């Protein structure tokens, strides 16, 4: 497991137990980048009859925040939480209000 993957794991492990218990049928994966939008940090997808999917994109996060390991870890955490919020039905406007935009 890479350091980046470990940051994602720590972000997931830090979820409060009631939130973690509410996650059902969702996969969180790390990918290099989104081919359609290479600057995207993360993406939540839900397709009928398939598990929900959250992708966290390594390359744009490392390029933007990789010079500062603590900041990189924090931005990975924010990205994971942002995408999980979409899983729970939060829209972009509300995430902006909460500081996760």
PDB file of N, CA and C in Angstrom:
ATOM      1  N   UNK A   1       0.847  -1.174   0.000  1.00  0.00           N
ATOM      2  CA  UNK A   1       0.000   0.000   0.000  1.00  0.00           C
ATOM      3  C   UNK A   1       0.895   1.241   0.000  1.00  0.00           C
ATOM      4  N   UNK A   2       0.589   2.199  -0.884  1.00  0.00           N
ATOM      5  CA  UNK A   2       1.389   3.419  -0.956  1.00  0.00           C
ATOM      6  C   UNK A   2       0.992   4.384   0.158  1.00  0.00           C
ATOM      7  N   UNK A   3       1.813   5.413   0.349  1.00  0.00           N
ATOM      8  CA  UNK A   3       1.492   6.447   1.343  1.00  0.00           C
ATOM      9  C   UNK A   3       0.174   7.126   0.984  1.00  0.00           C
ATOM     10  N   UNK A   4      -0.068   7.348  -0.298  1.00  0.00           N
ATOM     11  CA  UNK A   4      -1.318   7.971  -0.737  1.00  0.00           C
ATOM     12  C   UNK A   4      -2.502   7.092  -0.336  1.00  0.00           C
ATOM     13  N   UNK A   5      -2.414   5.801  -0.631  1.00  0.00           N
ATOM     14  CA  UNK A   5      -3.480   4.859  -0.259  1.00  0.00           C
ATOM     15  C   UNK A   5      -3.703   4.868   1.252  1.00  0.00           C
ATOM     16  N   UNK A   6      -2.618   4.971   1.990  1.00  0.00           N
ATOM     17  CA  UNK A   6      -2.729   5.000   3.455  1.00  0.00           C
ATOM     18  C   UNK A   6      -3.459   6.250   3.930  1.00  0.00           C
ATOM     19  N   UNK A   7      -3.229   7.375   3.271  1.00  0.00           N
ATOM     20  CA  UNK A   7      -3.969   8.604   3.613  1.00  0.00           C
ATOM     21  C   UNK A   7      -5.470   8.409   3.385  1.00  0.00           C
ATOM     22  N   UNK A   8      -5.810   7.777   2.276  1.00  0.00           N
ATOM     23  CA  UNK A   8      -7.231   7.501   1.989  1.00  0.00           C
ATOM     24  C   UNK A   8      -7.798   6.580   3.064  1.00  0.00           C
ATOM     25  N   UNK A   9      -7.061   5.554   3.426  1.00  0.00           N
ATOM     26  CA  UNK A   9      -7.505   4.603   4.459  1.00  0.00           C
ATOM     27  C   UNK A   9      -7.719   5.323   5.787  1.00  0.00           C
ATOM     28  N   UNK A  10      -6.785   6.205   6.158  1.00  0.00           N
ATOM     29  CA  UNK A  10      -6.935   6.941   7.418  1.00  0.00           C
ATOM     30  C   UNK A  10      -8.170   7.842   7.397  1.00  0.00           C
ATOM     31  N   UNK A  11      -8.433   8.462   6.259  1.00  0.00           N
ATOM     32  CA  UNK A  11      -9.624   9.308   6.148  1.00  0.00           C
ATOM     33  C   UNK A  11     -10.886   8.472   6.365  1.00  0.00           C
ATOM     34  N   UNK A  12     -10.922   7.289   5.789  1.00  0.00           N
ATOM     35  CA  UNK A  12     -12.082   6.403   5.975  1.00  0.00           C
ATOM     36  C   UNK A  12     -12.159   5.891   7.408  1.00  0.00           C
ATOM     37  N   UNK A  13     -11.018   5.553   7.983  1.00  0.00           N
ATOM     38  CA  UNK A  13     -10.997   5.048   9.359  1.00  0.00           C
ATOM     39  C   UNK A  13     -11.398   6.115  10.372  1.00  0.00           C
ATOM     40  N   UNK A  14     -11.272   7.392  10.001  1.00  0.00           N
ATOM     41  CA  UNK A  14     -11.597   8.474  10.929  1.00  0.00           C
ATOM     42  C   UNK A  14     -13.095   8.809  10.964  1.00  0.00           C
ATOM     43  N   UNK A  15     -13.876   8.153  10.117  1.00  0.00           N
ATOM     44  CA  UNK A  15     -15.316   8.437  10.103  1.00  0.00           C
ATOM     45  C   UNK A  15     -15.942   8.054  11.436  1.00  0.00           C
ATOM     46  N   UNK A  16     -16.869   8.862  11.928  1.00  0.00           N
ATOM     47  CA  UNK A  16     -17.586   8.468  13.144  1.00  0.00           C
ATOM     48  C   UNK A  16     -18.316   7.137  12.904  1.00  0.00           C
ATOM     49  N   UNK A  17     -18.374   6.266  13.915  1.00  0.00           N
ATOM     50  CA  UNK A  17     -18.991   4.946  13.729  1.00  0.00           C
ATOM     51  C   UNK A  17     -20.385   4.973  13.099  1.00  0.00           C
ATOM     52  N   UNK A  18     -21.286   5.904  13.476  1.00  0.00           N
ATOM     53  CA  UNK A  18     -22.607   5.880  12.828  1.00  0.00           C
ATOM     54  C   UNK A  18     -22.544   6.168  11.324  1.00  0.00           C
ATOM     55  N   UNK A  19     -21.606   7.017  10.919  1.00  0.00           N
ATOM     56  CA  UNK A  19     -21.445   7.314   9.490  1.00  0.00           C
ATOM     57  C   UNK A  19     -20.858   6.098   8.782  1.00  0.00           C
ATOM     58  N   UNK A  20     -19.807   5.525   9.347  1.00  0.00           N
ATOM     59  CA  UNK A  20     -19.183   4.349   8.741  1.00  0.00           C
ATOM     60  C   UNK A  20     -20.189   3.209   8.620  1.00  0.00           C
ATOM     61  N   UNK A  21     -21.030   3.031   9.633  1.00  0.00           N
ATOM     62  CA  UNK A  21     -22.025   1.956   9.607  1.00  0.00           C
ATOM     63  C   UNK A  21     -23.094   2.189   8.544  1.00  0.00           C
ATOM     64  N   UNK A  22     -23.302   3.456   8.170  1.00  0.00           N
ATOM     65  CA  UNK A  22     -24.326   3.778   7.174  1.00  0.00           C
ATOM     66  C   UNK A  22     -23.841   3.585   5.737  1.00  0.00           C
ATOM     67  N   UNK A  23     -22.553   3.342   5.566  1.00  0.00           N
ATOM     68  CA  UNK A  23     -22.021   3.104   4.223  1.00  0.00           C
ATOM     69  C   UNK A  23     -22.349   1.680   3.807  1.00  0.00           C
ATOM     70  N   UNK A  24     -23.151   1.567   2.780  1.00  0.00           N
ATOM     71  CA  UNK A  24     -23.531   0.242   2.279  1.00  0.00           C
ATOM     72  C   UNK A  24     -23.365   0.219   0.768  1.00  0.00           C
ATOM     73  N   UNK A  25     -22.743  -0.812   0.289  1.00  0.00           N
ATOM     74  CA  UNK A  25     -22.628  -1.026  -1.144  1.00  0.00           C
ATOM     75  C   UNK A  25     -21.930   0.137  -1.848  1.00  0.00           C
ATOM     76  N   UNK A  26     -20.805   0.557  -1.289  1.00  0.00           N
ATOM     77  CA  UNK A  26     -20.004   1.623  -1.887  1.00  0.00           C
ATOM     78  C   UNK A  26     -18.539   1.200  -1.901  1.00  0.00           C
ATOM     79  N   UNK A  27     -17.887   1.416  -3.031  1.00  0.00           N
ATOM     80  CA  UNK A  27     -16.461   1.108  -3.170  1.00  0.00           C
ATOM     81  C   UNK A  27     -15.687   2.415  -3.243  1.00  0.00           C
ATOM     82  N   UNK A  28     -14.607   2.506  -2.499  1.00  0.00           N
ATOM     83  CA  UNK A  28     -13.716   3.663  -2.568  1.00  0.00           C
ATOM     84  C   UNK A  28     -12.422   3.167  -3.199  1.00  0.00           C
ATOM     85  N   UNK A  29     -12.058   3.780  -4.326  1.00  0.00           N
ATOM     86  CA  UNK A  29     -10.875   3.348  -5.064  1.00  0.00           C
ATOM     87  C   UNK A  29      -9.944   4.525  -5.299  1.00  0.00           C
ATOM     88  N   UNK A  30      -8.668   4.227  -5.453  1.00  0.00           N
ATOM     89  CA  UNK A  30      -7.672   5.233  -5.816  1.00  0.00           C
ATOM     90  C   UNK A  30      -7.288   4.969  -7.263  1.00  0.00           C
ATOM     91  N   UNK A  31      -7.350   6.024  -8.074  1.00  0.00           N
ATOM     92  CA  UNK A  31      -6.945   5.943  -9.474  1.00  0.00           C
ATOM     93  C   UNK A  31      -5.963   7.078  -9.756  1.00  0.00           C
ATOM     94  N   UNK A  32      -5.199   6.955 -10.840  1.00  0.00           N
ATOM     95  CA  UNK A  32      -4.229   8.001 -11.168  1.00  0.00           C
ATOM     96  C   UNK A  32      -4.911   9.314 -11.517  1.00  0.00           C
ATOM     97  N   UNK A  33      -5.905   9.278 -12.400  1.00  0.00           N
ATOM     98  CA  UNK A  33      -6.628  10.488 -12.779  1.00  0.00           C
ATOM     99  C   UNK A  33      -7.905  10.112 -13.499  1.00  0.00           C
ATOM    100  N   UNK A  34      -8.793  11.068 -13.644  1.00  0.00           N
ATOM    101  CA  UNK A  34     -10.018  10.874 -14.408  1.00  0.00           C
ATOM    102  C   UNK A  34      -9.701  11.198 -15.867  1.00  0.00           C
ATOM    103  N   UNK A  35      -9.885  10.245 -16.787  1.00  0.00           N
ATOM    104  CA  UNK A  35      -9.509  10.491 -18.180  1.00  0.00           C
ATOM    105  C   UNK A  35     -10.293  11.642 -18.823  1.00  0.00           C
ATOM    106  N   UNK A  36     -11.538  11.808 -18.443  1.00  0.00           N
ATOM    107  CA  UNK A  36     -12.359  12.870 -19.032  1.00  0.00           C
ATOM    108  C   UNK A  36     -12.056  14.238 -18.430  1.00  0.00           C
ATOM    109  N   UNK A  37     -11.684  14.267 -17.158  1.00  0.00           N
ATOM    110  CA  UNK A  37     -11.385  15.517 -16.450  1.00  0.00           C
ATOM    111  C   UNK A  37     -10.125  15.314 -15.608  1.00  0.00           C
ATOM    112  N   UNK A  38      -8.945  15.446 -16.211  1.00  0.00           N
ATOM    113  CA  UNK A  38      -7.692  15.117 -15.513  1.00  0.00           C
ATOM    114  C   UNK A  38      -7.399  15.924 -14.251  1.00  0.00           C
ATOM    115  N   UNK A  39      -8.038  17.081 -14.078  1.00  0.00           N
ATOM    116  CA  UNK A  39      -7.781  17.905 -12.892  1.00  0.00           C
ATOM    117  C   UNK A  39      -8.743  17.610 -11.746  1.00  0.00           C
ATOM    118  N   UNK A  40      -9.673  16.713 -11.957  1.00  0.00           N
ATOM    119  CA  UNK A  40     -10.658  16.354 -10.936  1.00  0.00           C
ATOM    120  C   UNK A  40      -9.964  15.626  -9.787  1.00  0.00           C
ATOM    121  N   UNK A  41     -10.299  15.992  -8.548  1.00  0.00           N
ATOM    122  CA  UNK A  41      -9.668  15.373  -7.373  1.00  0.00           C
ATOM    123  C   UNK A  41     -10.373  14.091  -6.949  1.00  0.00           C
ATOM    124  N   UNK A  42     -11.687  14.044  -7.131  1.00  0.00           N
ATOM    125  CA  UNK A  42     -12.456  12.874  -6.741  1.00  0.00           C
ATOM    126  C   UNK A  42     -13.786  12.865  -7.474  1.00  0.00           C
ATOM    127  N   UNK A  43     -14.455  11.716  -7.452  1.00  0.00           N
ATOM    128  CA  UNK A  43     -15.726  11.594  -8.159  1.00  0.00           C
ATOM    129  C   UNK A  43     -16.596  10.540  -7.484  1.00  0.00           C
ATOM    130  N   UNK A  44     -17.861  10.902  -7.259  1.00  0.00           N
ATOM    131  CA  UNK A  44     -18.858   9.964  -6.757  1.00  0.00           C
ATOM    132  C   UNK A  44     -19.743   9.561  -7.925  1.00  0.00           C
ATOM    133  N   UNK A  45     -19.951   8.264  -8.086  1.00  0.00           N
ATOM    134  CA  UNK A  45     -20.811   7.751  -9.154  1.00  0.00           C
ATOM    135  C   UNK A  45     -21.779   6.733  -8.578  1.00  0.00           C
ATOM    136  N   UNK A  46     -23.022   6.819  -9.035  1.00  0.00           N
ATOM    137  CA  UNK A  46     -24.020   5.830  -8.643  1.00  0.00           C
ATOM    138  C   UNK A  46     -24.772   5.424  -9.894  1.00  0.00           C
ATOM    139  N   UNK A  47     -24.697   4.163 -10.224  1.00  0.00           N
ATOM    140  CA  UNK A  47     -25.393   3.605 -11.380  1.00  0.00           C
ATOM    141  C   UNK A  47     -26.454   2.634 -10.877  1.00  0.00           C
ATOM    142  N   UNK A  48     -27.588   2.593 -11.544  1.00  0.00           N
ATOM    143  CA  UNK A  48     -28.606   1.619 -11.110  1.00  0.00           C
ATOM    144  C   UNK A  48     -28.050   0.192 -11.132  1.00  0.00           C
ATOM    145  N   UNK A  49     -28.383  -0.552 -10.115  1.00  0.00           N
ATOM    146  CA  UNK A  49     -28.037  -1.976  -9.998  1.00  0.00           C
ATOM    147  C   UNK A  49     -26.556  -2.257  -9.791  1.00  0.00           C
ATOM    148  N   UNK A  50     -25.754  -1.223  -9.544  1.00  0.00           N
ATOM    149  CA  UNK A  50     -24.337  -1.414  -9.266  1.00  0.00           C
ATOM    150  C   UNK A  50     -23.999  -0.746  -7.947  1.00  0.00           C
ATOM    151  N   UNK A  51     -22.930  -1.178  -7.298  1.00  0.00           N
ATOM    152  CA  UNK A  51     -22.505  -0.469  -6.079  1.00  0.00           C
ATOM    153  C   UNK A  51     -22.142   0.981  -6.399  1.00  0.00           C
ATOM    154  N   UNK A  52     -22.355   1.864  -5.447  1.00  0.00           N
ATOM    155  CA  UNK A  52     -21.870   3.235  -5.588  1.00  0.00           C
ATOM    156  C   UNK A  52     -20.345   3.177  -5.622  1.00  0.00           C
ATOM    157  N   UNK A  53     -19.743   4.183  -6.245  1.00  0.00           N
ATOM    158  CA  UNK A  53     -18.281   4.177  -6.418  1.00  0.00           C
ATOM    159  C   UNK A  53     -17.737   5.576  -6.159  1.00  0.00           C
ATOM    160  N   UNK A  54     -16.687   5.631  -5.366  1.00  0.00           N
ATOM    161  CA  UNK A  54     -15.979   6.884  -5.115  1.00  0.00           C
ATOM    162  C   UNK A  54     -14.544   6.678  -5.571  1.00  0.00           C
ATOM    163  N   UNK A  55     -14.123   7.525  -6.508  1.00  0.00           N
ATOM    164  CA  UNK A  55     -12.736   7.486  -6.984  1.00  0.00           C
ATOM    165  C   UNK A  55     -12.001   8.693  -6.413  1.00  0.00           C
ATOM    166  N   UNK A  56     -10.827   8.458  -5.890  1.00  0.00           N
ATOM    167  CA  UNK A  56      -9.930   9.506  -5.417  1.00  0.00           C
ATOM    168  C   UNK A  56      -8.743   9.501  -6.376  1.00  0.00           C
ATOM    169  N   UNK A  57      -8.460  10.666  -6.967  1.00  0.00           N
ATOM    170  CA  UNK A  57      -7.465  10.743  -8.030  1.00  0.00           C
ATOM    171  C   UNK A  57      -6.112  11.233  -7.514  1.00  0.00           C
ATOM    172  N   UNK A  58      -5.146  10.345  -7.573  1.00  0.00           N
ATOM    173  CA  UNK A  58      -3.811  10.554  -7.034  1.00  0.00           C
ATOM    174  C   UNK A  58      -3.054  11.700  -7.717  1.00  0.00           C
ATOM    175  N   UNK A  59      -2.949  11.681  -9.034  1.00  0.00           N
ATOM    176  CA  UNK A  59      -2.089  12.634  -9.739  1.00  0.00           C
ATOM    177  C   UNK A  59      -2.454  14.092  -9.467  1.00  0.00           C
ATOM    178  N   UNK A  60      -3.712  14.515  -9.635  1.00  0.00           N
ATOM    179  CA  UNK A  60      -3.993  15.936  -9.392  1.00  0.00           C
ATOM    180  C   UNK A  60      -3.794  16.346  -7.934  1.00  0.00           C
ATOM    181  N   UNK A  61      -4.088  15.457  -7.004  1.00  0.00           N
ATOM    182  CA  UNK A  61      -3.865  15.786  -5.592  1.00  0.00           C
ATOM    183  C   UNK A  61      -2.376  15.921  -5.295  1.00  0.00           C
ATOM    184  N   UNK A  62      -1.574  14.981  -5.800  1.00  0.00           N
ATOM    185  CA  UNK A  62      -0.132  15.060  -5.554  1.00  0.00           C
ATOM    186  C   UNK A  62       0.492  16.247  -6.262  1.00  0.00           C
ATOM    187  N   UNK A  63       0.029  16.568  -7.468  1.00  0.00           N
ATOM    188  CA  UNK A  63       0.591  17.713  -8.190  1.00  0.00           C
ATOM    189  C   UNK A  63       0.276  19.024  -7.486  1.00  0.00           C
ATOM    190  N   UNK A  64      -0.928  19.145  -6.962  1.00  0.00           N
ATOM    191  CA  UNK A  64      -1.325  20.401  -6.341  1.00  0.00           C
ATOM    192  C   UNK A  64      -0.823  20.561  -4.911  1.00  0.00           C
ATOM    193  N   UNK A  65      -0.756  19.453  -4.152  1.00  0.00           N
ATOM    194  CA  UNK A  65      -0.456  19.546  -2.721  1.00  0.00           C
ATOM    195  C   UNK A  65       0.745  18.712  -2.282  1.00  0.00           C
ATOM    196  N   UNK A  66       1.417  18.043  -3.214  1.00  0.00           N
ATOM    197  CA  UNK A  66       2.472  17.103  -2.873  1.00  0.00           C
ATOM    198  C   UNK A  66       3.717  17.699  -2.255  1.00  0.00           C
ATOM    199  N   UNK A  67       3.903  19.017  -2.377  1.00  0.00           N
ATOM    200  CA  UNK A  67       5.089  19.644  -1.784  1.00  0.00           C
ATOM    201  C   UNK A  67       4.997  19.742  -0.266  1.00  0.00           C
ATOM    202  N   UNK A  68       3.811  19.560   0.270  1.00  0.00           N
ATOM    203  CA  UNK A  68       3.577  19.674   1.711  1.00  0.00           C
ATOM    204  C   UNK A  68       2.822  18.420   2.173  1.00  0.00           C
ATOM    205  N   UNK A  69       3.535  17.449   2.749  1.00  0.00           N
ATOM    206  CA  UNK A  69       2.894  16.179   3.119  1.00  0.00           C
ATOM    207  C   UNK A  69       1.667  16.338   4.025  1.00  0.00           C
ATOM    208  N   UNK A  70       1.714  17.250   4.969  1.00  0.00           N
ATOM    209  CA  UNK A  70       0.566  17.443   5.864  1.00  0.00           C
ATOM    210  C   UNK A  70      -0.626  18.011   5.091  1.00  0.00           C
ATOM    211  N   UNK A  71      -0.349  18.954   4.203  1.00  0.00           N
ATOM    212  CA  UNK A  71      -1.432  19.534   3.398  1.00  0.00           C
ATOM    213  C   UNK A  71      -2.005  18.492   2.446  1.00  0.00           C
ATOM    214  N   UNK A  72      -1.156  17.656   1.853  1.00  0.00           N
ATOM    215  CA  UNK A  72      -1.626  16.591   0.969  1.00  0.00           C
ATOM    216  C   UNK A  72      -2.560  15.663   1.731  1.00  0.00           C
ATOM    217  N   UNK A  73      -2.149  15.232   2.915  1.00  0.00           N
ATOM    218  CA  UNK A  73      -3.008  14.343   3.695  1.00  0.00           C
ATOM    219  C   UNK A  73      -4.342  15.005   4.012  1.00  0.00           C
ATOM    220  N   UNK A  74      -4.328  16.286   4.367  1.00  0.00           N
ATOM    221  CA  UNK A  74      -5.565  17.004   4.678  1.00  0.00           C
ATOM    222  C   UNK A  74      -6.457  17.121   3.439  1.00  0.00           C
ATOM    223  N   UNK A  75      -5.885  17.404   2.290  1.00  0.00           N
ATOM    224  CA  UNK A  75      -6.684  17.540   1.069  1.00  0.00           C
ATOM    225  C   UNK A  75      -7.250  16.194   0.620  1.00  0.00           C
ATOM    226  N   UNK A  76      -6.513  15.121   0.844  1.00  0.00           N
ATOM    227  CA  UNK A  76      -7.059  13.785   0.558  1.00  0.00           C
ATOM    228  C   UNK A  76      -8.250  13.535   1.470  1.00  0.00           C
ATOM    229  N   UNK A  77      -8.121  13.870   2.751  1.00  0.00           N
ATOM    230  CA  UNK A  77      -9.222  13.694   3.701  1.00  0.00           C
ATOM    231  C   UNK A  77     -10.438  14.513   3.284  1.00  0.00           C
ATOM    232  N   UNK A  78     -10.227  15.765   2.910  1.00  0.00           N
ATOM    233  CA  UNK A  78     -11.335  16.624   2.484  1.00  0.00           C
ATOM    234  C   UNK A  78     -11.995  16.052   1.228  1.00  0.00           C
ATOM    235  N   UNK A  79     -11.195  15.554   0.292  1.00  0.00           N
ATOM    236  CA  UNK A  79     -11.741  14.978  -0.937  1.00  0.00           C
ATOM    237  C   UNK A  79     -12.565  13.733  -0.639  1.00  0.00           C
ATOM    238  N   UNK A  80     -12.056  12.863   0.225  1.00  0.00           N
ATOM    239  CA  UNK A  80     -12.809  11.665   0.611  1.00  0.00           C
ATOM    240  C   UNK A  80     -14.130  12.065   1.266  1.00  0.00           C
ATOM    241  N   UNK A  81     -14.086  13.004   2.197  1.00  0.00           N
ATOM    242  CA  UNK A  81     -15.307  13.437   2.876  1.00  0.00           C
ATOM    243  C   UNK A  81     -16.271  14.111   1.913  1.00  0.00           C
ATOM    244  N   UNK A  82     -15.766  14.890   0.989  1.00  0.00           N
ATOM    245  CA  UNK A  82     -16.596  15.556  -0.017  1.00  0.00           C
ATOM    246  C   UNK A  82     -17.366  14.519  -0.837  1.00  0.00           C
ATOM    247  N   UNK A  83     -16.662  13.512  -1.323  1.00  0.00           N
ATOM    248  CA  UNK A  83     -17.312  12.494  -2.154  1.00  0.00           C
ATOM    249  C   UNK A  83     -18.273  11.631  -1.333  1.00  0.00           C
ATOM    250  N   UNK A  84     -17.922  11.336  -0.087  1.00  0.00           N
ATOM    251  CA  UNK A  84     -18.847  10.594   0.775  1.00  0.00           C
ATOM    252  C   UNK A  84     -20.115  11.403   1.044  1.00  0.00           C
ATOM    253  N   UNK A  85     -19.977  12.709   1.149  1.00  0.00           N
ATOM    254  CA  UNK A  85     -21.150  13.559   1.356  1.00  0.00           C
ATOM    255  C   UNK A  85     -22.108  13.432   0.173  1.00  0.00           C
ATOM    256  N   UNK A  86     -21.572  13.316  -1.039  1.00  0.00           N
ATOM    257  CA  UNK A  86     -22.442  13.092  -2.195  1.00  0.00           C
ATOM    258  C   UNK A  86     -23.194  11.766  -2.046  1.00  0.00           C
ATOM    259  N   UNK A  87     -22.524  10.764  -1.543  1.00  0.00           N
ATOM    260  CA  UNK A  87     -23.168   9.471  -1.296  1.00  0.00           C
ATOM    261  C   UNK A  87     -24.394   9.639  -0.397  1.00  0.00           C
ATOM    262  N   UNK A  88     -24.275  10.534   0.583  1.00  0.00           N
ATOM    263  CA  UNK A  88     -25.373  10.769   1.519  1.00  0.00           C
ATOM    264  C   UNK A  88     -26.359  11.832   1.030  1.00  0.00           C
ATOM    265  N   UNK A  89     -26.183  12.299  -0.214  1.00  0.00           N
ATOM    266  CA  UNK A  89     -27.165  13.194  -0.809  1.00  0.00           C
ATOM    267  C   UNK A  89     -26.861  14.677  -0.743  1.00  0.00           C
ATOM    268  N   UNK A  90     -25.690  15.058  -0.255  1.00  0.00           N
ATOM    269  CA  UNK A  90     -25.339  16.476  -0.197  1.00  0.00           C
ATOM    270  C   UNK A  90     -25.005  16.998  -1.593  1.00  0.00           C
ATOM    271  N   UNK A  91     -25.514  18.169  -1.915  1.00  0.00           N
ATOM    272  CA  UNK A  91     -25.230  18.826  -3.191  1.00  0.00           C
ATOM    273  C   UNK A  91     -24.018  19.753  -3.032  1.00  0.00           C
ATOM    274  N   UNK A  92     -23.451  20.175  -4.156  1.00  0.00           N
ATOM    275  CA  UNK A  92     -22.247  21.024  -4.136  1.00  0.00           C
ATOM    276  C   UNK A  92     -22.445  22.301  -3.317  1.00  0.00           C
ATOM    277  N   UNK A  93     -23.592  22.964  -3.475  1.00  0.00           N
ATOM    278  CA  UNK A  93     -23.827  24.213  -2.751  1.00  0.00           C
ATOM    279  C   UNK A  93     -23.746  24.031  -1.251  1.00  0.00           C
ATOM    280  N   UNK A  94     -24.332  22.967  -0.754  1.00  0.00           N
ATOM    281  CA  UNK A  94     -24.298  22.698   0.694  1.00  0.00           C
ATOM    282  C   UNK A  94     -22.880  22.353   1.146  1.00  0.00           C
ATOM    283  N   UNK A  95     -22.151  21.621   0.324  1.00  0.00           N
ATOM    284  CA  UNK A  95     -20.763  21.289   0.671  1.00  0.00           C
ATOM    285  C   UNK A  95     -19.912  22.548   0.722  1.00  0.00           C
ATOM    286  N   UNK A  96     -20.158  23.496  -0.194  1.00  0.00           N
ATOM    287  CA  UNK A  96     -19.452  24.785  -0.140  1.00  0.00           C
ATOM    288  C   UNK A  96     -19.739  25.497   1.172  1.00  0.00           C
ATOM    289  N   UNK A  97     -21.011  25.504   1.582  1.00  0.00           N
ATOM    290  CA  UNK A  97     -21.393  26.150   2.849  1.00  0.00           C
ATOM    291  C   UNK A  97     -20.672  25.527   4.034  1.00  0.00           C
ATOM    292  N   UNK A  98     -20.458  24.214   3.976  1.00  0.00           N
ATOM    293  CA  UNK A  98     -19.820  23.497   5.077  1.00  0.00           C
ATOM    294  C   UNK A  98     -18.291  23.539   5.021  1.00  0.00           C
ATOM    295  N   UNK A  99     -17.746  24.122   3.953  1.00  0.00           N
ATOM    296  CA  UNK A  99     -16.300  24.204   3.819  1.00  0.00           C
ATOM    297  C   UNK A  99     -15.661  23.003   3.160  1.00  0.00           C
ATOM    298  N   UNK A 100     -16.466  22.180   2.463  1.00  0.00           N
ATOM    299  CA  UNK A 100     -15.937  21.003   1.772  1.00  0.00           C
ATOM    300  C   UNK A 100     -16.106  21.106   0.267  1.00  0.00           C
ATOM    301  N   UNK A 101     -16.215  22.312  -0.232  1.00  0.00           N
ATOM    302  CA  UNK A 101     -16.449  22.543  -1.664  1.00  0.00           C
ATOM    303  C   UNK A 101     -15.218  22.464  -2.488  1.00  0.00           C
TER     304      UNK A 101
END
